[in-house]
Structure formats: C-alpha cells, structure tokens
Amino acid sequence: MGKIDKKIAISPDALVHEAMAVIENSGMQIALIIKSGKLLGTITDGDIRRGFLKKKINIKSKIKLIYNRKFHYLYNTDNLTKKNILSIMKKKELRHLPVIDNKGYFKDVFFINNLLKETNNLCDVVIMAGGKGTRLGNLTRTCPKPMLKINNKPILEIILNECKKQGFENFYISVNYLKHVTYL
C-alpha cells in the first residue's frame, strides 16, 4: 500500500481523452484523480459516457467537469481483510475500492476481479484415491496407485503440493484399496 500506480493515476486538470486513454491502457476500468498524493475522485468509462450525454462534454473537456467526487472508499485503518472488502464490494456492487488515510492520501485500490481470483481456491479439494489400479498390474498389487513413486515421491504428495501452490488448503482423500499402506 502507499505506492500510486502510475497506470491509473491522473491529474484533475487532465482532459477527457487523457482519462479515456488511462482507463483503456491500464485495463483496470478506472482512473484515480490524484493531486499531491490525495485522492480527489474516480472516473470510469460510465462517468465519461454520462458526461457526453448529459453534460455535453467532448474529448477536449476537462475531467473536473465529470469525475466522481462522491466515490466509495475505505480508510487504511479499517478492517481490510479480503472477506470484509469483498463483502463491501458485493453489497455496493463495486468493481474498484480505493483506500485512503485519514487525511485523504491515496494508499491502495482493490479490484473485485483480483480479489475473486485470490479467493476462488477457498473450496475444498476431494481426491478420489480408492481404486484398485488393476490396469497397472503388478505395480499396484501391494501398493495403492496414489503411493506409487515418481522421482522418489508418491503421486499423492506431488498432487497435494501442486494444489497447495495454487492456493488450495483443505483436502479430503477418499481411500479404499490398500488404505493402510503409507510410504513404501
């Protein structure tokens, strides 16, 4: 937190076409109006469209005519857990949520897509590891398939490690055949 992302920061004196370029080039669907480190507002393509339609602005107009000064934000002293942030964003139907300090200085911004990507792996993993492995013949006569080794590691260990790298944490393993066998 605390570092202004230059890709989405823009001056309040900028022109509409400059804001459009920031919104388009950043891929974040928003530009943050920042002056001397303070967050003054936000602007999205929706704000620009409304400006074209209702205020009759053009691409050479200044964004101060249309940017959103009544934007939603959090303070950096708030409880900024992913769960709380997501809850607020879903409740208020927000795609972006800036964070400021008590003096209005920009600290960070949360994007719903990034938060959802990070939390998608909160589900449990079920590994079905109870089959007899009859197609493997002698290899599985005394050793269950999940415990067969590849490069001196059981297949099950490799699978669990790969899942952990992807952010999964809770595992359930369904066993049957040779369930009492651990490492061989």
C-alpha atoms as a PDB file:
ATOM      1  CA  MET A   1       0.000   0.000   0.000  1.00  0.00           C
ATOM      2  CA  GLY A   2       1.006   3.599  -0.383  1.00  0.00           C
ATOM      3  CA  LYS A   3       2.516   3.495  -3.847  1.00  0.00           C
ATOM      4  CA  ILE A   4       0.426   5.199  -6.505  1.00  0.00           C
ATOM      5  CA  ASP A   5       0.054   3.056  -9.586  1.00  0.00           C
ATOM      6  CA  LYS A   6       1.031   5.445 -12.373  1.00  0.00           C
ATOM      7  CA  LYS A   7      -1.053   3.425 -14.838  1.00  0.00           C
ATOM      8  CA  ILE A   8      -4.320   4.530 -13.211  1.00  0.00           C
ATOM      9  CA  ALA A   9      -3.430   7.910 -11.664  1.00  0.00           C
ATOM     10  CA  ILE A  10      -4.410  11.114 -13.431  1.00  0.00           C
ATOM     11  CA  SER A  11      -4.437  14.814 -12.595  1.00  0.00           C
ATOM     12  CA  PRO A  12      -7.736  16.659 -12.037  1.00  0.00           C
ATOM     13  CA  ASP A  13      -6.633  19.037 -14.817  1.00  0.00           C
ATOM     14  CA  ALA A  14      -6.457  16.228 -17.381  1.00  0.00           C
ATOM     15  CA  LEU A  15      -8.657  16.156 -20.444  1.00  0.00           C
ATOM     16  CA  VAL A  16     -11.347  13.572 -21.157  1.00  0.00           C
ATOM     17  CA  HIS A  17      -9.346  11.916 -23.932  1.00  0.00           C
ATOM     18  CA  GLU A  18      -6.402  11.503 -21.498  1.00  0.00           C
ATOM     19  CA  ALA A  19      -8.675   9.842 -18.940  1.00  0.00           C
ATOM     20  CA  MET A  20     -10.061   7.572 -21.657  1.00  0.00           C
ATOM     21  CA  ALA A  21      -6.507   6.536 -22.562  1.00  0.00           C
ATOM     22  CA  VAL A  22      -5.645   5.776 -18.914  1.00  0.00           C
ATOM     23  CA  ILE A  23      -8.805   3.710 -18.469  1.00  0.00           C
ATOM     24  CA  GLU A  24      -8.228   1.815 -21.714  1.00  0.00           C
ATOM     25  CA  ASN A  25      -4.473   1.267 -21.409  1.00  0.00           C
ATOM     26  CA  SER A  26      -4.455   0.178 -17.772  1.00  0.00           C
ATOM     27  CA  GLY A  27      -7.141  -2.443 -18.281  1.00  0.00           C
ATOM     28  CA  MET A  28      -8.478  -1.560 -14.822  1.00  0.00           C
ATOM     29  CA  GLN A  29     -11.655   0.246 -15.993  1.00  0.00           C
ATOM     30  CA  ILE A  30     -10.932   3.230 -13.752  1.00  0.00           C
ATOM     31  CA  ALA A  31      -8.677   6.253 -13.359  1.00  0.00           C
ATOM     32  CA  LEU A  32      -7.925   7.734  -9.953  1.00  0.00           C
ATOM     33  CA  ILE A  33      -7.911  11.530  -9.730  1.00  0.00           C
ATOM     34  CA  ILE A  34      -4.882  12.334  -7.591  1.00  0.00           C
ATOM     35  CA  LYS A  35      -3.309  15.676  -6.744  1.00  0.00           C
ATOM     36  CA  SER A  36      -0.276  15.925  -4.467  1.00  0.00           C
ATOM     37  CA  GLY A  37      -0.906  12.368  -3.281  1.00  0.00           C
ATOM     38  CA  LYS A  38      -4.521  12.994  -2.261  1.00  0.00           C
ATOM     39  CA  LEU A  39      -7.329  11.031  -3.863  1.00  0.00           C
ATOM     40  CA  LEU A  40      -9.887  13.549  -5.101  1.00  0.00           C
ATOM     41  CA  GLY A  41     -12.134  11.208  -7.041  1.00  0.00           C
ATOM     42  CA  THR A  42     -12.506   8.498  -9.619  1.00  0.00           C
ATOM     43  CA  ILE A  43     -13.546   8.352 -13.233  1.00  0.00           C
ATOM     44  CA  THR A  44     -14.794   5.396 -15.250  1.00  0.00           C
ATOM     45  CA  ASP A  45     -15.993   4.971 -18.797  1.00  0.00           C
ATOM     46  CA  GLY A  46     -19.541   5.253 -17.400  1.00  0.00           C
ATOM     47  CA  ASP A  47     -18.783   8.706 -15.982  1.00  0.00           C
ATOM     48  CA  ILE A  48     -17.441   9.759 -19.367  1.00  0.00           C
ATOM     49  CA  ARG A  49     -20.480   8.402 -21.245  1.00  0.00           C
ATOM     50  CA  ARG A  50     -22.820  10.240 -18.867  1.00  0.00           C
ATOM     51  CA  GLY A  51     -20.756  13.398 -19.409  1.00  0.00           C
ATOM     52  CA  PHE A  52     -21.123  13.093 -23.176  1.00  0.00           C
ATOM     53  CA  LEU A  53     -24.872  12.508 -22.918  1.00  0.00           C
ATOM     54  CA  LYS A  54     -25.939  14.763 -20.049  1.00  0.00           C
ATOM     55  CA  LYS A  55     -23.325  17.493 -19.791  1.00  0.00           C
ATOM     56  CA  LYS A  56     -22.486  17.673 -23.483  1.00  0.00           C
ATOM     57  CA  ILE A  57     -18.739  17.446 -22.869  1.00  0.00           C
ATOM     58  CA  ASN A  58     -16.298  16.432 -25.595  1.00  0.00           C
ATOM     59  CA  ILE A  59     -12.931  14.703 -25.572  1.00  0.00           C
ATOM     60  CA  LYS A  60     -11.130  18.035 -25.076  1.00  0.00           C
ATOM     61  CA  SER A  61     -13.172  18.918 -21.961  1.00  0.00           C
ATOM     62  CA  LYS A  62     -11.509  18.823 -18.549  1.00  0.00           C
ATOM     63  CA  ILE A  63     -12.348  15.800 -16.411  1.00  0.00           C
ATOM     64  CA  LYS A  64     -13.039  18.044 -13.413  1.00  0.00           C
ATOM     65  CA  LEU A  65     -16.457  18.592 -15.036  1.00  0.00           C
ATOM     66  CA  ILE A  66     -17.406  14.929 -14.718  1.00  0.00           C
ATOM     67  CA  TYR A  67     -15.249  12.920 -12.331  1.00  0.00           C
ATOM     68  CA  ASN A  68     -16.897  11.280  -9.344  1.00  0.00           C
ATOM     69  CA  ARG A  69     -16.214  13.163  -6.107  1.00  0.00           C
ATOM     70  CA  LYS A  70     -18.631  11.016  -4.084  1.00  0.00           C
ATOM     71  CA  PHE A  71     -16.822   7.728  -4.608  1.00  0.00           C
ATOM     72  CA  HIS A  72     -16.773   4.768  -2.216  1.00  0.00           C
ATOM     73  CA  TYR A  73     -13.534   4.219  -0.317  1.00  0.00           C
ATOM     74  CA  LEU A  74     -12.067   2.596   2.763  1.00  0.00           C
ATOM     75  CA  TYR A  75      -9.684   4.003   5.319  1.00  0.00           C
ATOM     76  CA  ASN A  76      -6.377   2.213   5.769  1.00  0.00           C
ATOM     77  CA  THR A  77      -7.308   1.842   9.451  1.00  0.00           C
ATOM     78  CA  ASP A  78     -10.434  -0.189   8.578  1.00  0.00           C
ATOM     79  CA  ASN A  79     -10.506  -3.959   8.929  1.00  0.00           C
ATOM     80  CA  LEU A  80      -9.068  -4.726   5.490  1.00  0.00           C
ATOM     81  CA  THR A  81      -9.489  -8.474   5.300  1.00  0.00           C
ATOM     82  CA  LYS A  82     -10.313  -9.979   1.910  1.00  0.00           C
ATOM     83  CA  LYS A  83     -13.604 -11.217   3.298  1.00  0.00           C
ATOM     84  CA  ASN A  84     -14.649  -7.756   4.537  1.00  0.00           C
ATOM     85  CA  ILE A  85     -13.528  -5.985   1.382  1.00  0.00           C
ATOM     86  CA  LEU A  86     -15.336  -8.485  -0.851  1.00  0.00           C
ATOM     87  CA  SER A  87     -18.461  -8.185   1.261  1.00  0.00           C
ATOM     88  CA  ILE A  88     -18.497  -4.394   0.891  1.00  0.00           C
ATOM     89  CA  MET A  89     -17.791  -4.541  -2.813  1.00  0.00           C
ATOM     90  CA  LYS A  90     -20.522  -7.102  -3.476  1.00  0.00           C
ATOM     91  CA  LYS A  91     -23.064  -5.276  -1.317  1.00  0.00           C
ATOM     92  CA  LYS A  92     -22.431  -1.933  -3.053  1.00  0.00           C
ATOM     93  CA  GLU A  93     -21.850  -3.547  -6.481  1.00  0.00           C
ATOM     94  CA  LEU A  94     -18.360  -2.045  -6.821  1.00  0.00           C
ATOM     95  CA  ARG A  95     -15.608  -3.157  -9.193  1.00  0.00           C
ATOM     96  CA  HIS A  96     -12.946  -0.957  -7.524  1.00  0.00           C
ATOM     97  CA  LEU A  97     -12.476   0.243  -3.975  1.00  0.00           C
ATOM     98  CA  PRO A  98      -9.727   2.763  -3.149  1.00  0.00           C
ATOM     99  CA  VAL A  99      -8.072   3.009   0.253  1.00  0.00           C
ATOM    100  CA  ILE A 100      -7.058   6.364   1.761  1.00  0.00           C
ATOM    101  CA  ASP A 101      -5.615   7.502   5.056  1.00  0.00           C
ATOM    102  CA  ASN A 102      -7.447   9.851   7.434  1.00  0.00           C
ATOM    103  CA  LYS A 103      -6.066  12.890   5.556  1.00  0.00           C
ATOM    104  CA  GLY A 104      -7.261  11.677   2.156  1.00  0.00           C
ATOM    105  CA  TYR A 105      -3.927  10.465   0.839  1.00  0.00           C
ATOM    106  CA  PHE A 106      -4.177   7.533  -1.566  1.00  0.00           C
ATOM    107  CA  LYS A 107      -2.871   4.258  -0.141  1.00  0.00           C
ATOM    108  CA  ASP A 108      -4.159   1.426  -2.336  1.00  0.00           C
ATOM    109  CA  VAL A 109      -7.014   0.235  -4.506  1.00  0.00           C
ATOM    110  CA  PHE A 110      -8.745  -3.135  -4.537  1.00  0.00           C
ATOM    111  CA  PHE A 111     -10.177  -4.644  -7.702  1.00  0.00           C
ATOM    112  CA  ILE A 112     -13.026  -7.153  -7.462  1.00  0.00           C
ATOM    113  CA  ASN A 113     -11.587  -9.376 -10.197  1.00  0.00           C
ATOM    114  CA  ASN A 114      -8.262  -9.707  -8.372  1.00  0.00           C
ATOM    115  CA  LEU A 115      -9.945 -10.449  -5.054  1.00  0.00           C
ATOM    116  CA  LEU A 116     -12.200 -13.061  -6.618  1.00  0.00           C
ATOM    117  CA  LYS A 117      -9.223 -14.734  -8.296  1.00  0.00           C
ATOM    118  CA  GLU A 118      -7.420 -14.876  -4.968  1.00  0.00           C
ATOM    119  CA  THR A 119     -10.399 -16.365  -3.158  1.00  0.00           C
ATOM    120  CA  ASN A 120     -11.530 -18.865  -5.779  1.00  0.00           C
ATOM    121  CA  ASN A 121      -9.375 -21.548  -4.179  1.00  0.00           C
ATOM    122  CA  LEU A 122     -11.136 -21.395  -0.827  1.00  0.00           C
ATOM    123  CA  CYS A 123     -13.097 -24.515  -1.737  1.00  0.00           C
ATOM    124  CA  ASP A 124     -12.133 -27.954  -0.518  1.00  0.00           C
ATOM    125  CA  VAL A 125     -10.282 -30.495  -2.647  1.00  0.00           C
ATOM    126  CA  VAL A 126     -11.523 -34.073  -2.800  1.00  0.00           C
ATOM    127  CA  ILE A 127      -9.109 -36.663  -4.141  1.00  0.00           C
ATOM    128  CA  MET A 128     -10.606 -39.982  -5.128  1.00  0.00           C
ATOM    129  CA  ALA A 129      -7.768 -42.390  -4.305  1.00  0.00           C
ATOM    130  CA  GLY A 130      -9.567 -45.640  -3.587  1.00  0.00           C
ATOM    131  CA  GLY A 131      -9.403 -47.545  -6.869  1.00  0.00           C
ATOM    132  CA  LYS A 132      -7.575 -50.841  -7.245  1.00  0.00           C
ATOM    133  CA  GLY A 133      -5.420 -49.720 -10.153  1.00  0.00           C
ATOM    134  CA  THR A 134      -5.883 -53.085 -11.910  1.00  0.00           C
ATOM    135  CA  ARG A 135      -4.633 -51.718 -15.253  1.00  0.00           C
ATOM    136  CA  LEU A 136      -1.239 -51.133 -13.636  1.00  0.00           C
ATOM    137  CA  GLY A 137      -0.937 -54.856 -12.866  1.00  0.00           C
ATOM    138  CA  ASN A 138       1.922 -55.818 -10.539  1.00  0.00           C
ATOM    139  CA  LEU A 139       2.731 -52.189  -9.679  1.00  0.00           C
ATOM    140  CA  THR A 140      -0.464 -51.881  -7.599  1.00  0.00           C
ATOM    141  CA  ARG A 141      -0.641 -55.426  -6.155  1.00  0.00           C
ATOM    142  CA  THR A 142       0.941 -54.302  -2.848  1.00  0.00           C
ATOM    143  CA  CYS A 143       0.995 -50.530  -3.306  1.00  0.00           C
ATOM    144  CA  PRO A 144      -2.045 -48.300  -3.960  1.00  0.00           C
ATOM    145  CA  LYS A 145      -1.847 -46.050  -7.047  1.00  0.00           C
ATOM    146  CA  PRO A 146      -1.563 -42.779  -5.048  1.00  0.00           C
ATOM    147  CA  MET A 147       1.518 -44.129  -3.287  1.00  0.00           C
ATOM    148  CA  LEU A 148       3.371 -45.132  -6.457  1.00  0.00           C
ATOM    149  CA  LYS A 149       6.513 -43.056  -6.716  1.00  0.00           C
ATOM    150  CA  ILE A 150       7.671 -40.685  -9.419  1.00  0.00           C
ATOM    151  CA  ASN A 151      11.192 -39.363  -8.833  1.00  0.00           C
ATOM    152  CA  ASN A 152      11.109 -40.869  -5.332  1.00  0.00           C
ATOM    153  CA  LYS A 153       7.877 -39.048  -4.378  1.00  0.00           C
ATOM    154  CA  PRO A 154       4.452 -40.631  -4.083  1.00  0.00           C
ATOM    155  CA  ILE A 155       1.991 -39.406  -6.725  1.00  0.00           C
ATOM    156  CA  LEU A 156      -0.338 -38.242  -3.944  1.00  0.00           C
ATOM    157  CA  GLU A 157       2.379 -35.990  -2.485  1.00  0.00           C
ATOM    158  CA  ILE A 158       3.013 -34.458  -5.899  1.00  0.00           C
ATOM    159  CA  ILE A 159      -0.711 -33.779  -6.383  1.00  0.00           C
ATOM    160  CA  LEU A 160      -1.072 -32.225  -2.906  1.00  0.00           C
ATOM    161  CA  ASN A 161       1.975 -29.979  -3.416  1.00  0.00           C
ATOM    162  CA  GLU A 162       0.675 -28.769  -6.787  1.00  0.00           C
ATOM    163  CA  CYS A 163      -2.721 -27.995  -5.249  1.00  0.00           C
ATOM    164  CA  LYS A 164      -1.048 -26.052  -2.428  1.00  0.00           C
ATOM    165  CA  LYS A 165       0.867 -23.965  -4.975  1.00  0.00           C
ATOM    166  CA  GLN A 166      -2.491 -22.987  -6.478  1.00  0.00           C
ATOM    167  CA  GLY A 167      -3.756 -21.799  -3.073  1.00  0.00           C
ATOM    168  CA  PHE A 168      -5.868 -24.781  -2.020  1.00  0.00           C
ATOM    169  CA  GLU A 169      -5.713 -25.614   1.669  1.00  0.00           C
ATOM    170  CA  ASN A 170      -8.377 -28.149   2.661  1.00  0.00           C
ATOM    171  CA  PHE A 171      -8.033 -31.707   1.381  1.00  0.00           C
ATOM    172  CA  TYR A 172     -10.198 -34.794   1.686  1.00  0.00           C
ATOM    173  CA  ILE A 173      -8.891 -38.091   0.398  1.00  0.00           C
ATOM    174  CA  SER A 174     -11.296 -40.911  -0.312  1.00  0.00           C
ATOM    175  CA  VAL A 175      -9.487 -44.245   0.132  1.00  0.00           C
ATOM    176  CA  ASN A 176     -10.386 -47.939  -0.074  1.00  0.00           C
ATOM    177  CA  TYR A 177      -7.961 -50.390  -1.657  1.00  0.00           C
ATOM    178  CA  LEU A 178      -4.815 -50.859   0.472  1.00  0.00           C
ATOM    179  CA  LYS A 179      -5.794 -47.861   2.593  1.00  0.00           C
ATOM    180  CA  HIS A 180      -3.445 -48.953   5.375  1.00  0.00           C
ATOM    181  CA  VAL A 181      -0.371 -48.543   3.122  1.00  0.00           C
ATOM    182  CA  THR A 182       1.568 -45.332   3.575  1.00  0.00           C
ATOM    183  CA  TYR A 183       5.124 -44.801   2.271  1.00  0.00           C
ATOM    184  CA  LEU A 184       6.862 -47.842   0.808  1.00  0.00           C
END
